[in-house]
Protein backbone atom coordinates (compact mmCIF):
# COMPACT_ATOMS: atom_id res chain seq x y z
CA MET A 1 67.02 97.68 87.10
CA ARG A 2 66.98 96.49 83.50
CA VAL A 3 70.00 96.79 81.22
CA TRP A 4 69.28 98.06 77.71
CA PHE A 5 71.54 97.67 74.69
CA ILE A 6 70.48 100.16 72.02
CA THR A 7 72.00 100.58 68.55
CA GLY A 8 71.86 103.88 66.70
CA ALA A 9 71.51 105.70 70.01
CA SER A 10 73.07 109.04 69.08
CA ARG A 11 69.82 110.51 67.69
CA GLY A 12 66.24 109.80 66.73
CA PHE A 13 64.39 106.91 68.34
CA GLY A 14 67.57 105.46 69.79
CA SER A 15 68.51 108.50 71.87
CA LEU A 16 64.93 109.03 73.02
CA ILE A 17 64.55 105.43 74.17
CA ALA A 18 67.89 105.64 75.95
CA ALA A 19 66.90 108.83 77.77
CA GLU A 20 63.52 107.36 78.75
CA ALA A 21 65.12 104.18 80.08
CA LEU A 22 67.63 106.16 82.15
CA ALA A 23 64.83 108.30 83.56
CA ALA A 24 63.06 105.09 84.60
CA GLY A 25 66.11 104.02 86.61
CA ASP A 26 67.46 101.52 84.12
CA ALA A 27 70.99 101.16 82.78
CA VAL A 28 71.70 101.81 79.10
CA VAL A 29 74.47 100.70 76.79
CA ALA A 30 74.05 103.26 74.02
CA THR A 31 75.95 102.42 70.87
CA ALA A 32 76.80 104.61 67.91
CA ARG A 33 79.56 104.99 65.35
CA ASN A 34 80.67 108.01 67.38
CA PRO A 35 79.94 107.39 71.08
CA LYS A 36 80.79 111.02 71.90
CA ALA A 37 77.61 111.98 70.03
CA VAL A 38 75.63 109.93 72.55
CA THR A 39 76.79 111.94 75.55
CA GLU A 40 76.40 115.17 73.60
CA ARG A 41 72.75 114.28 72.99
CA ILE A 42 71.84 112.55 76.27
CA GLY A 43 74.41 113.91 78.71
CA ASP A 44 76.52 112.07 81.28
CA HIS A 45 74.78 109.58 83.56
CA PRO A 46 76.17 106.96 85.97
CA ASN A 47 74.01 104.27 84.36
CA LEU A 48 74.95 105.21 80.78
CA LEU A 49 77.70 103.42 78.87
CA PRO A 50 78.35 104.89 75.43
CA VAL A 51 80.08 102.36 73.18
CA ALA A 52 81.50 102.67 69.67
CA LEU A 53 79.70 100.37 67.26
CA ASP A 54 79.42 100.15 63.52
CA VAL A 55 76.78 97.43 63.22
CA THR A 56 78.32 96.19 59.97
CA ASP A 57 81.45 95.19 61.91
CA ASP A 58 80.98 91.76 63.53
CA ALA A 59 84.02 92.13 65.76
CA GLN A 60 82.81 95.49 67.07
CA ALA A 61 79.39 93.99 67.79
CA GLN A 62 80.97 91.20 69.84
CA ALA A 63 83.18 93.68 71.69
CA ALA A 64 80.25 96.00 72.45
CA ALA A 65 78.16 93.16 73.89
CA ALA A 66 81.12 92.03 76.00
CA ALA A 67 81.64 95.58 77.28
CA ALA A 68 77.97 95.76 78.26
CA VAL A 69 78.15 92.57 80.29
CA GLU A 70 81.46 93.54 81.84
CA ARG A 71 79.98 96.86 83.06
CA PHE A 72 76.46 95.82 84.07
CA GLY A 73 76.59 92.02 84.30
CA ARG A 74 73.75 91.29 81.88
CA ILE A 75 71.69 92.53 78.93
CA ASP A 76 67.92 92.51 79.41
CA VAL A 77 66.64 94.42 76.40
CA LEU A 78 68.24 94.64 72.97
CA VAL A 79 66.86 97.37 70.71
CA ASN A 80 68.07 96.96 67.14
CA ASN A 81 67.37 100.50 66.01
CA ALA A 82 70.32 101.40 63.75
CA GLY A 83 69.38 101.80 60.12
CA TYR A 84 68.58 104.25 57.36
CA GLY A 85 66.25 104.70 54.41
CA LEU A 86 66.57 104.54 50.64
CA LEU A 87 64.05 106.43 48.51
CA GLY A 88 63.82 105.33 44.89
CA ALA A 89 62.08 102.96 42.53
CA VAL A 90 63.29 99.38 42.62
CA GLU A 91 64.84 99.83 39.17
CA GLU A 92 66.41 103.14 40.17
CA SER A 93 68.21 101.57 43.13
CA SER A 94 71.77 100.68 42.14
CA GLY A 95 73.56 97.49 43.14
CA PRO A 96 75.90 99.29 45.55
CA GLU A 97 72.98 101.17 47.13
CA VAL A 98 71.08 97.94 47.70
CA GLU A 99 74.11 96.15 49.12
CA LYS A 100 74.89 99.03 51.46
CA ILE A 101 71.41 99.31 52.94
CA PHE A 102 71.12 95.55 53.46
CA ALA A 103 74.56 95.59 55.13
CA THR A 104 73.23 97.96 57.80
CA ASN A 105 69.50 97.24 58.10
CA VAL A 106 69.65 93.44 57.87
CA PHE A 107 73.18 92.05 58.19
CA GLY A 108 74.05 94.61 60.88
CA LEU A 109 70.96 93.70 62.87
CA LEU A 110 71.90 90.04 62.59
CA ALA A 111 75.48 90.71 63.71
CA VAL A 112 74.36 92.55 66.84
CA THR A 113 71.71 89.93 67.61
CA ARG A 114 74.28 87.13 67.32
CA ALA A 115 76.55 89.06 69.69
CA VAL A 116 73.88 89.61 72.35
CA LEU A 117 71.88 86.37 72.28
CA PRO A 118 74.53 84.16 73.96
CA HIS A 119 74.26 86.38 77.04
CA MET A 120 70.45 86.26 77.02
CA ARG A 121 70.49 82.48 76.54
CA ARG A 122 72.83 82.12 79.47
CA GLN A 123 70.48 84.24 81.60
CA ARG A 124 67.41 82.40 80.24
CA SER A 125 65.79 85.82 79.96
CA GLY A 126 65.75 88.90 77.76
CA HIS A 127 63.78 90.72 75.09
CA VAL A 128 64.94 91.43 71.52
CA ILE A 129 63.13 94.44 70.03
CA ASN A 130 63.76 94.94 66.32
CA ILE A 131 62.67 98.24 64.81
CA SER A 132 60.99 97.68 61.46
CA SER A 133 58.68 100.12 59.68
CA ILE A 134 55.20 100.67 58.34
CA GLY A 135 56.88 99.67 55.06
CA GLY A 136 57.98 96.36 56.56
CA TYR A 137 54.43 95.04 56.56
CA GLY A 138 53.10 96.53 53.32
CA ALA A 139 55.16 98.06 50.54
CA PHE A 140 54.98 101.64 49.28
CA VAL A 141 55.91 103.11 45.91
CA GLY A 142 59.46 104.45 46.11
CA TRP A 143 60.37 102.46 49.21
CA GLY A 144 60.64 98.97 47.70
CA VAL A 145 64.27 98.27 48.54
CA TYR A 146 64.13 99.94 51.95
CA GLY A 147 60.90 98.10 52.68
CA SER A 148 62.49 94.82 51.63
CA THR A 149 65.09 95.23 54.37
CA LYS A 150 62.29 95.69 56.87
CA PHE A 151 60.33 92.75 55.43
CA ALA A 152 63.48 90.74 56.20
CA VAL A 153 63.52 92.06 59.76
CA GLU A 154 59.88 90.98 60.15
CA GLY A 155 60.65 87.41 59.07
CA ILE A 156 63.79 87.22 61.18
CA THR A 157 61.89 88.37 64.25
CA GLU A 158 58.98 85.97 63.79
CA ALA A 159 61.42 83.08 63.60
CA LEU A 160 63.42 84.39 66.56
CA ALA A 161 60.29 84.59 68.69
CA ALA A 162 59.58 80.91 68.09
CA GLU A 163 63.20 79.80 68.48
CA LEU A 164 63.84 81.76 71.68
CA ALA A 165 60.55 81.15 73.51
CA PRO A 166 61.69 77.82 75.08
CA LEU A 167 64.81 79.62 76.33
CA GLY A 168 62.92 82.34 78.18
CA VAL A 169 63.86 85.05 75.67
CA LYS A 170 61.24 87.13 73.85
CA ALA A 171 61.33 88.85 70.46
CA THR A 172 59.16 91.64 69.05
CA VAL A 173 59.24 93.48 65.74
CA VAL A 174 58.05 97.10 66.05
CA GLU A 175 56.45 98.82 63.06
CA PRO A 176 56.49 102.61 63.45
CA GLY A 177 54.62 104.76 60.96
CA PHE A 178 55.72 108.25 59.98
CA PHE A 179 57.17 109.89 63.09
CA ARG A 180 58.55 113.40 63.38
CA THR A 181 62.23 112.41 63.48
CA ASP A 182 65.14 113.16 61.15
CA PHE A 183 64.42 110.03 59.09
CA LEU A 184 63.63 112.05 55.95
CA ASP A 185 66.76 114.21 56.33
CA GLY A 186 69.90 113.59 54.31
CA GLN A 187 71.72 112.07 57.30
CA SER A 188 69.17 109.24 57.52
CA LEU A 189 67.91 108.95 53.95
CA ALA A 190 69.69 108.07 50.72
CA VAL A 191 67.98 108.98 47.44
CA SER A 192 68.53 107.07 44.19
CA ALA A 193 69.05 108.63 40.78
CA GLU A 194 65.78 109.30 38.95
CA ILE A 195 64.36 107.60 35.85
CA ALA A 196 61.85 109.82 34.03
CA ASP A 197 59.27 107.05 33.52
CA TYR A 198 58.70 106.90 37.30
CA ALA A 199 57.97 110.64 37.64
CA GLU A 200 54.24 110.14 38.28
CA THR A 201 54.70 107.41 40.89
CA VAL A 202 58.05 107.56 42.65
CA GLY A 203 58.44 111.23 41.74
CA ALA A 204 55.22 111.95 43.60
CA MET A 205 56.57 110.05 46.60
CA ARG A 206 59.78 112.12 46.54
CA ARG A 207 57.68 115.28 46.65
CA PHE A 208 55.52 113.88 49.43
CA ALA A 209 58.60 112.96 51.47
CA ALA A 210 60.03 116.45 51.09
CA ASP A 211 56.78 118.06 52.20
CA ALA A 212 56.24 115.60 55.07
CA ASN A 213 59.69 116.06 56.60
CA HIS A 214 59.23 117.24 60.21
CA ALA A 215 55.45 117.32 59.67
CA GLN A 216 54.81 113.62 60.30
CA PRO A 217 51.89 112.69 62.60
CA GLY A 218 53.81 110.48 65.06
CA ASP A 219 55.27 111.87 68.29
CA PRO A 220 58.78 110.41 68.87
CA ALA A 221 58.63 111.05 72.62
CA LYS A 222 55.46 108.97 72.88
CA PHE A 223 57.13 106.27 70.79
CA ALA A 224 59.98 106.08 73.31
CA LYS A 225 57.52 105.74 76.20
CA ALA A 226 55.71 102.99 74.29
CA MET A 227 58.98 101.05 74.01
CA LEU A 228 59.34 101.07 77.79
CA THR A 229 55.81 99.75 78.11
CA LEU A 230 56.63 97.04 75.58
CA ALA A 231 59.81 96.07 77.41
CA GLY A 232 57.87 95.78 80.65
CA ALA A 233 55.14 93.56 79.23
CA GLU A 234 54.98 90.07 80.73
CA THR A 235 53.69 88.65 77.44
CA PRO A 236 54.80 91.01 74.66
CA PRO A 237 53.46 90.67 71.12
CA VAL A 238 55.56 89.29 68.29
CA ARG A 239 54.47 92.27 66.20
CA LEU A 240 53.63 95.76 67.47
CA ALA A 241 52.20 98.41 65.15
CA VAL A 242 52.94 101.94 66.39
CA GLY A 243 51.06 104.93 65.01
CA SER A 244 47.57 105.34 63.59
CA ASP A 245 48.93 105.29 60.04
CA THR A 246 50.55 101.88 60.59
CA VAL A 247 47.36 100.46 62.09
CA ALA A 248 45.35 101.67 59.08
CA HIS A 249 47.96 100.40 56.61
CA ILE A 250 47.99 96.93 58.17
CA GLU A 251 44.19 96.76 58.18
CA ARG A 252 44.06 97.72 54.48
CA LYS A 253 46.69 95.16 53.51
CA ASN A 254 45.07 92.38 55.51
CA ALA A 255 41.73 93.09 53.82
CA THR A 256 43.37 93.12 50.36
CA VAL A 257 45.18 89.83 50.99
CA ALA A 258 41.98 88.22 52.25
CA ARG A 259 40.09 89.34 49.12
CA GLU A 260 42.82 88.06 46.77
CA LEU A 261 43.01 84.76 48.61
CA ASP A 262 39.27 84.31 48.20
CA VAL A 263 39.25 85.24 44.48
CA TRP A 264 42.16 82.93 43.62
CA ARG A 265 41.39 80.16 46.11
CA GLU A 266 40.45 77.57 43.46
CA LEU A 267 43.72 77.99 41.58
CA SER A 268 45.71 78.12 44.82
CA LEU A 269 44.27 74.79 45.94
CA SER A 270 44.56 73.10 42.54
CA THR A 271 48.27 72.33 42.70
CA ASP A 272 48.30 69.53 45.30
CA PHE A 273 48.46 65.84 44.46
CA PRO A 274 45.01 64.23 44.58
CA ALA A 275 44.03 63.14 48.07
CA THR A 276 44.70 59.46 48.71
CA ALA A 277 41.67 57.44 49.68
CA ALA A 278 41.82 56.02 53.20
């Protein structure tokens, strides 16, 4: 029986992963700002421990991890899922909006990770799964600030994977595309004030987001099952793209970067000191 620690478990991906893990016979520490919402969504279960957690509160993160170990003795899988979106041009995004989303999506993830890793290091086992986004690998118009939080999660996870490997702990960053969750609803998405000059670019993205809400191609139930497969992998990837749109987006970006690197190679290589003769 594995023990999962899942943030943002009251709805969306978090609640679905929790339910799937319980159905597989695992134990789940399901955290949310309001733990009552967890049981209302998932129901009561002997292997379920709902815990109050605002990920921006370091002390709460430490207490939640301690409660998990006290109840189940260990933490095998950490899923850093809590987060929300911000739709707006980079210039449209206010200072307070930027600070708030980084506080949850990046600093909150770090706080929870710091709280859980001592237990995994002691066990010399565990798997950290950080939920990023299709926008964490390649940016989109209107999602620059949100995407930057996920770019940060990508870099954090790549470093974690290298740092933790000698200790028997694994780390994976997961990049879901557009899935049919409540992500584009008001409870999961903040929207910046509009500047008229961005009407043709970011304005078009706002309209697309409104039309795409609850019409996204990804199946959240299949995503949850995929996370159990990932957690059970003996050699998990550092990066896992999830959804056909993410796979296509990554392939396009990789091709674009390769072309730019080739075109600008001479200038890129011109900045070193001359090679010293042997």
